[in-house]
Amino acid sequence: MDRRSRWLLALLLVLAVSAPSCAKKADDTKATDASSASPLQGQADQAPAPAGITVTAVDLGRSIDGDKHVTEVLTAFKPSDVIYASVRTTGTSPNAMLKARWTSPDGQVLNETEQGISPTGEAATEFHISVPRGLAAGKYKLEIFLDGNPVQAREFEVQTNS
């Protein structure tokens, strides 16, 4: 084999070895671009969470059990109800921060609470809201943030006849 043939063969080997690596980088870029969509487009949408944790569910109800899970998932409440939110997560982090922001029908923040969590697998965190004079009838919103990033939102309604 002459010198030129050996050089051409070496070049082809280098290209064959590096081609899959280039294709993987392009796939990784596509995955990153797809994950940068707005996290609150729909009520059940999720944003990618930092620190290896994902919020898997947010349930609302009038009571929670010993594991901090809502006993009956509801979307309509009475003005005098204590409204509980069970925020379920999966993953591991030595120090993550969950925040619940409750807003009124006119968009005013009624309550905002943060809790530090250190989960090692599946976990549930409880938030709640109640107003001594009762909540006015209307449509409310709960937003959940993980380490400052919005990850899920739930809408619920307060009705005088529920």
C-alpha atoms as a PDB file:
ATOM      1  CA  MET A   1       0.000   0.000   0.000  1.00  0.00           C
ATOM      2  CA  ASP A   2       1.485   3.322  -0.985  1.00  0.00           C
ATOM      3  CA  ARG A   3       1.767   6.353   1.273  1.00  0.00           C
ATOM      4  CA  ARG A   4      -1.247   8.143  -0.186  1.00  0.00           C
ATOM      5  CA  SER A   5      -3.532   5.116   0.336  1.00  0.00           C
ATOM      6  CA  ARG A   6      -2.436   4.782   3.976  1.00  0.00           C
ATOM      7  CA  TRP A   7      -3.140   8.460   4.578  1.00  0.00           C
ATOM      8  CA  LEU A   8      -6.611   8.157   2.977  1.00  0.00           C
ATOM      9  CA  LEU A   9      -7.376   5.054   5.051  1.00  0.00           C
ATOM     10  CA  ALA A  10      -6.319   6.857   8.252  1.00  0.00           C
ATOM     11  CA  LEU A  11      -8.545   9.821   7.377  1.00  0.00           C
ATOM     12  CA  LEU A  12     -11.535   7.544   6.772  1.00  0.00           C
ATOM     13  CA  LEU A  13     -10.986   5.831  10.138  1.00  0.00           C
ATOM     14  CA  VAL A  14     -10.875   9.171  11.943  1.00  0.00           C
ATOM     15  CA  LEU A  15     -14.102  10.263  10.253  1.00  0.00           C
ATOM     16  CA  ALA A  16     -15.823   6.969  11.055  1.00  0.00           C
ATOM     17  CA  VAL A  17     -14.907   7.225  14.742  1.00  0.00           C
ATOM     18  CA  SER A  18     -15.864  10.905  15.136  1.00  0.00           C
ATOM     19  CA  ALA A  19     -19.183  10.831  13.224  1.00  0.00           C
ATOM     20  CA  PRO A  20     -21.265   9.232  16.036  1.00  0.00           C
ATOM     21  CA  SER A  21     -19.843  11.737  18.509  1.00  0.00           C
ATOM     22  CA  CYS A  22     -20.979  14.656  16.344  1.00  0.00           C
ATOM     23  CA  ALA A  23     -24.446  13.144  15.949  1.00  0.00           C
ATOM     24  CA  LYS A  24     -24.796  12.800  19.740  1.00  0.00           C
ATOM     25  CA  LYS A  25     -23.958  16.488  20.248  1.00  0.00           C
ATOM     26  CA  ALA A  26     -26.683  17.474  17.780  1.00  0.00           C
ATOM     27  CA  ASP A  27     -29.223  15.264  19.620  1.00  0.00           C
ATOM     28  CA  ASP A  28     -28.233  16.814  22.968  1.00  0.00           C
ATOM     29  CA  THR A  29     -28.779  20.297  21.540  1.00  0.00           C
ATOM     30  CA  LYS A  30     -32.257  19.361  20.335  1.00  0.00           C
ATOM     31  CA  ALA A  31     -33.176  18.014  23.787  1.00  0.00           C
ATOM     32  CA  THR A  32     -31.972  21.213  25.447  1.00  0.00           C
ATOM     33  CA  ASP A  33     -33.915  23.395  23.035  1.00  0.00           C
ATOM     34  CA  ALA A  34     -37.123  21.400  23.574  1.00  0.00           C
ATOM     35  CA  SER A  35     -36.838  21.660  27.348  1.00  0.00           C
ATOM     36  CA  SER A  36     -36.635  25.444  27.307  1.00  0.00           C
ATOM     37  CA  ALA A  37     -40.367  25.852  26.580  1.00  0.00           C
ATOM     38  CA  SER A  38     -42.431  27.913  28.999  1.00  0.00           C
ATOM     39  CA  PRO A  39     -43.098  25.877  32.166  1.00  0.00           C
ATOM     40  CA  LEU A  40     -46.622  27.148  32.808  1.00  0.00           C
ATOM     41  CA  GLN A  41     -48.188  26.807  29.358  1.00  0.00           C
ATOM     42  CA  GLY A  42     -50.761  24.369  30.749  1.00  0.00           C
ATOM     43  CA  GLN A  43     -51.713  23.397  34.239  1.00  0.00           C
ATOM     44  CA  ALA A  44     -49.871  20.081  34.180  1.00  0.00           C
ATOM     45  CA  ASP A  45     -46.742  21.227  32.327  1.00  0.00           C
ATOM     46  CA  GLN A  46     -43.432  20.916  34.088  1.00  0.00           C
ATOM     47  CA  ALA A  47     -40.202  22.805  33.748  1.00  0.00           C
ATOM     48  CA  PRO A  48     -36.931  20.981  34.134  1.00  0.00           C
ATOM     49  CA  ALA A  49     -35.974  21.152  37.784  1.00  0.00           C
ATOM     50  CA  PRO A  50     -32.527  21.874  39.112  1.00  0.00           C
ATOM     51  CA  ALA A  51     -30.649  19.721  41.615  1.00  0.00           C
ATOM     52  CA  GLY A  52     -31.984  16.358  40.417  1.00  0.00           C
ATOM     53  CA  ILE A  53     -35.552  16.897  41.660  1.00  0.00           C
ATOM     54  CA  THR A  54     -38.786  16.871  39.668  1.00  0.00           C
ATOM     55  CA  VAL A  55     -42.222  17.955  40.861  1.00  0.00           C
ATOM     56  CA  THR A  56     -44.415  15.054  39.761  1.00  0.00           C
ATOM     57  CA  ALA A  57     -47.840  16.193  41.017  1.00  0.00           C
ATOM     58  CA  VAL A  58     -49.690  18.963  42.798  1.00  0.00           C
ATOM     59  CA  ASP A  59     -53.025  17.991  44.328  1.00  0.00           C
ATOM     60  CA  LEU A  60     -55.505  20.233  46.148  1.00  0.00           C
ATOM     61  CA  GLY A  61     -58.019  19.167  48.784  1.00  0.00           C
ATOM     62  CA  ARG A  62     -59.635  19.880  52.151  1.00  0.00           C
ATOM     63  CA  SER A  63     -57.433  17.492  54.159  1.00  0.00           C
ATOM     64  CA  ILE A  64     -54.171  15.550  54.038  1.00  0.00           C
ATOM     65  CA  ASP A  65     -53.088  12.226  55.509  1.00  0.00           C
ATOM     66  CA  GLY A  66     -50.007  11.409  57.589  1.00  0.00           C
ATOM     67  CA  ASP A  67     -47.876  11.129  54.442  1.00  0.00           C
ATOM     68  CA  LYS A  68     -48.861  14.668  53.371  1.00  0.00           C
ATOM     69  CA  HIS A  69     -51.030  13.413  50.491  1.00  0.00           C
ATOM     70  CA  VAL A  70     -54.410  15.012  49.819  1.00  0.00           C
ATOM     71  CA  THR A  71     -57.147  12.575  50.875  1.00  0.00           C
ATOM     72  CA  GLU A  72     -59.655  13.751  48.225  1.00  0.00           C
ATOM     73  CA  VAL A  73     -58.502  15.775  45.201  1.00  0.00           C
ATOM     74  CA  LEU A  74     -60.790  18.776  44.623  1.00  0.00           C
ATOM     75  CA  THR A  75     -60.959  21.862  42.424  1.00  0.00           C
ATOM     76  CA  ALA A  76     -63.887  23.614  44.173  1.00  0.00           C
ATOM     77  CA  PHE A  77     -63.926  24.800  47.782  1.00  0.00           C
ATOM     78  CA  LYS A  78     -66.087  26.689  50.295  1.00  0.00           C
ATOM     79  CA  PRO A  79     -64.991  30.165  51.441  1.00  0.00           C
ATOM     80  CA  SER A  80     -64.222  28.860  54.961  1.00  0.00           C
ATOM     81  CA  ASP A  81     -62.202  25.788  53.858  1.00  0.00           C
ATOM     82  CA  VAL A  82     -58.553  25.300  54.632  1.00  0.00           C
ATOM     83  CA  ILE A  83     -57.154  24.446  51.192  1.00  0.00           C
ATOM     84  CA  TYR A  84     -54.258  21.990  51.260  1.00  0.00           C
ATOM     85  CA  ALA A  85     -51.738  21.421  48.494  1.00  0.00           C
ATOM     86  CA  SER A  86     -49.683  18.243  48.379  1.00  0.00           C
ATOM     87  CA  VAL A  87     -46.581  18.766  46.234  1.00  0.00           C
ATOM     88  CA  ARG A  88     -45.047  15.436  45.279  1.00  0.00           C
ATOM     89  CA  THR A  89     -41.438  15.251  44.159  1.00  0.00           C
ATOM     90  CA  THR A  90     -39.014  12.601  43.038  1.00  0.00           C
ATOM     91  CA  GLY A  91     -35.253  12.755  43.055  1.00  0.00           C
ATOM     92  CA  THR A  92     -32.478  13.596  45.454  1.00  0.00           C
ATOM     93  CA  SER A  93     -31.104  16.887  46.724  1.00  0.00           C
ATOM     94  CA  PRO A  94     -29.340  17.890  49.922  1.00  0.00           C
ATOM     95  CA  ASN A  95     -31.079  21.289  49.908  1.00  0.00           C
ATOM     96  CA  ALA A  96     -33.843  22.354  47.552  1.00  0.00           C
ATOM     97  CA  MET A  97     -36.445  25.053  48.079  1.00  0.00           C
ATOM     98  CA  LEU A  98     -40.153  24.669  47.264  1.00  0.00           C
ATOM     99  CA  LYS A  99     -42.371  27.738  47.193  1.00  0.00           C
ATOM    100  CA  ALA A 100     -46.156  27.987  46.964  1.00  0.00           C
ATOM    101  CA  ARG A 101     -47.739  31.226  45.716  1.00  0.00           C
ATOM    102  CA  TRP A 102     -51.513  31.561  46.136  1.00  0.00           C
ATOM    103  CA  THR A 103     -53.143  34.321  44.040  1.00  0.00           C
ATOM    104  CA  SER A 104     -56.655  35.747  44.117  1.00  0.00           C
ATOM    105  CA  PRO A 105     -59.040  36.109  41.167  1.00  0.00           C
ATOM    106  CA  ASP A 106     -57.722  39.656  40.589  1.00  0.00           C
ATOM    107  CA  GLY A 107     -54.092  38.457  40.528  1.00  0.00           C
ATOM    108  CA  GLN A 108     -53.036  39.675  43.989  1.00  0.00           C
ATOM    109  CA  VAL A 109     -50.698  37.422  45.961  1.00  0.00           C
ATOM    110  CA  LEU A 110     -52.607  36.197  49.034  1.00  0.00           C
ATOM    111  CA  ASN A 111     -49.865  34.062  50.502  1.00  0.00           C
ATOM    112  CA  GLU A 112     -46.365  32.909  49.607  1.00  0.00           C
ATOM    113  CA  THR A 113     -44.609  30.215  51.642  1.00  0.00           C
ATOM    114  CA  GLU A 114     -41.231  28.524  51.182  1.00  0.00           C
ATOM    115  CA  GLN A 115     -40.040  25.209  52.580  1.00  0.00           C
ATOM    116  CA  GLY A 116     -36.577  23.727  52.398  1.00  0.00           C
ATOM    117  CA  ILE A 117     -36.567  20.047  51.457  1.00  0.00           C
ATOM    118  CA  SER A 118     -33.881  17.343  51.325  1.00  0.00           C
ATOM    119  CA  PRO A 119     -35.564  14.421  49.563  1.00  0.00           C
ATOM    120  CA  THR A 120     -33.957  11.093  48.747  1.00  0.00           C
ATOM    121  CA  GLY A 121     -36.517   9.597  46.364  1.00  0.00           C
ATOM    122  CA  GLU A 122     -40.259  10.195  46.380  1.00  0.00           C
ATOM    123  CA  ALA A 123     -41.529  12.787  48.865  1.00  0.00           C
ATOM    124  CA  ALA A 124     -44.552  14.983  49.558  1.00  0.00           C
ATOM    125  CA  THR A 125     -44.583  18.514  50.942  1.00  0.00           C
ATOM    126  CA  GLU A 126     -47.685  20.219  52.302  1.00  0.00           C
ATOM    127  CA  PHE A 127     -48.748  23.830  51.844  1.00  0.00           C
ATOM    128  CA  HIS A 128     -52.089  25.327  52.834  1.00  0.00           C
ATOM    129  CA  ILE A 129     -54.087  28.522  52.869  1.00  0.00           C
ATOM    130  CA  SER A 130     -57.007  29.723  54.916  1.00  0.00           C
ATOM    131  CA  VAL A 131     -58.416  33.156  55.530  1.00  0.00           C
ATOM    132  CA  PRO A 132     -60.204  33.888  58.856  1.00  0.00           C
ATOM    133  CA  ARG A 133     -62.918  35.934  57.136  1.00  0.00           C
ATOM    134  CA  GLY A 134     -63.150  33.347  54.331  1.00  0.00           C
ATOM    135  CA  LEU A 135     -62.080  33.507  50.703  1.00  0.00           C
ATOM    136  CA  ALA A 136     -64.305  35.423  48.295  1.00  0.00           C
ATOM    137  CA  ALA A 137     -66.002  33.466  45.537  1.00  0.00           C
ATOM    138  CA  GLY A 138     -63.940  33.264  42.347  1.00  0.00           C
ATOM    139  CA  LYS A 139     -61.145  31.489  40.515  1.00  0.00           C
ATOM    140  CA  TYR A 140     -57.794  31.293  42.285  1.00  0.00           C
ATOM    141  CA  LYS A 141     -54.368  30.015  41.316  1.00  0.00           C
ATOM    142  CA  LEU A 142     -51.578  28.144  43.066  1.00  0.00           C
ATOM    143  CA  GLU A 143     -48.100  28.282  41.549  1.00  0.00           C
ATOM    144  CA  ILE A 144     -45.313  25.974  42.685  1.00  0.00           C
ATOM    145  CA  PHE A 145     -41.661  26.982  42.338  1.00  0.00           C
ATOM    146  CA  LEU A 146     -38.599  24.765  42.773  1.00  0.00           C
ATOM    147  CA  ASP A 147     -35.388  26.613  43.571  1.00  0.00           C
ATOM    148  CA  GLY A 148     -36.952  29.813  42.214  1.00  0.00           C
ATOM    149  CA  ASN A 149     -38.177  28.267  38.937  1.00  0.00           C
ATOM    150  CA  PRO A 150     -41.919  27.915  38.222  1.00  0.00           C
ATOM    151  CA  VAL A 151     -42.693  24.215  37.752  1.00  0.00           C
ATOM    152  CA  GLN A 152     -46.460  23.694  38.084  1.00  0.00           C
ATOM    153  CA  ALA A 153     -49.682  25.625  38.537  1.00  0.00           C
ATOM    154  CA  ARG A 154     -53.191  24.676  39.599  1.00  0.00           C
ATOM    155  CA  GLU A 155     -56.367  26.658  39.291  1.00  0.00           C
ATOM    156  CA  PHE A 156     -59.212  26.176  41.744  1.00  0.00           C
ATOM    157  CA  GLU A 157     -62.507  27.820  42.495  1.00  0.00           C
ATOM    158  CA  VAL A 158     -64.094  29.081  45.692  1.00  0.00           C
ATOM    159  CA  GLN A 159     -67.886  28.803  45.531  1.00  0.00           C
ATOM    160  CA  THR A 160     -70.448  29.942  48.063  1.00  0.00           C
ATOM    161  CA  ASN A 161     -72.579  26.846  47.363  1.00  0.00           C
ATOM    162  CA  SER A 162     -69.906  24.078  47.247  1.00  0.00           C
END
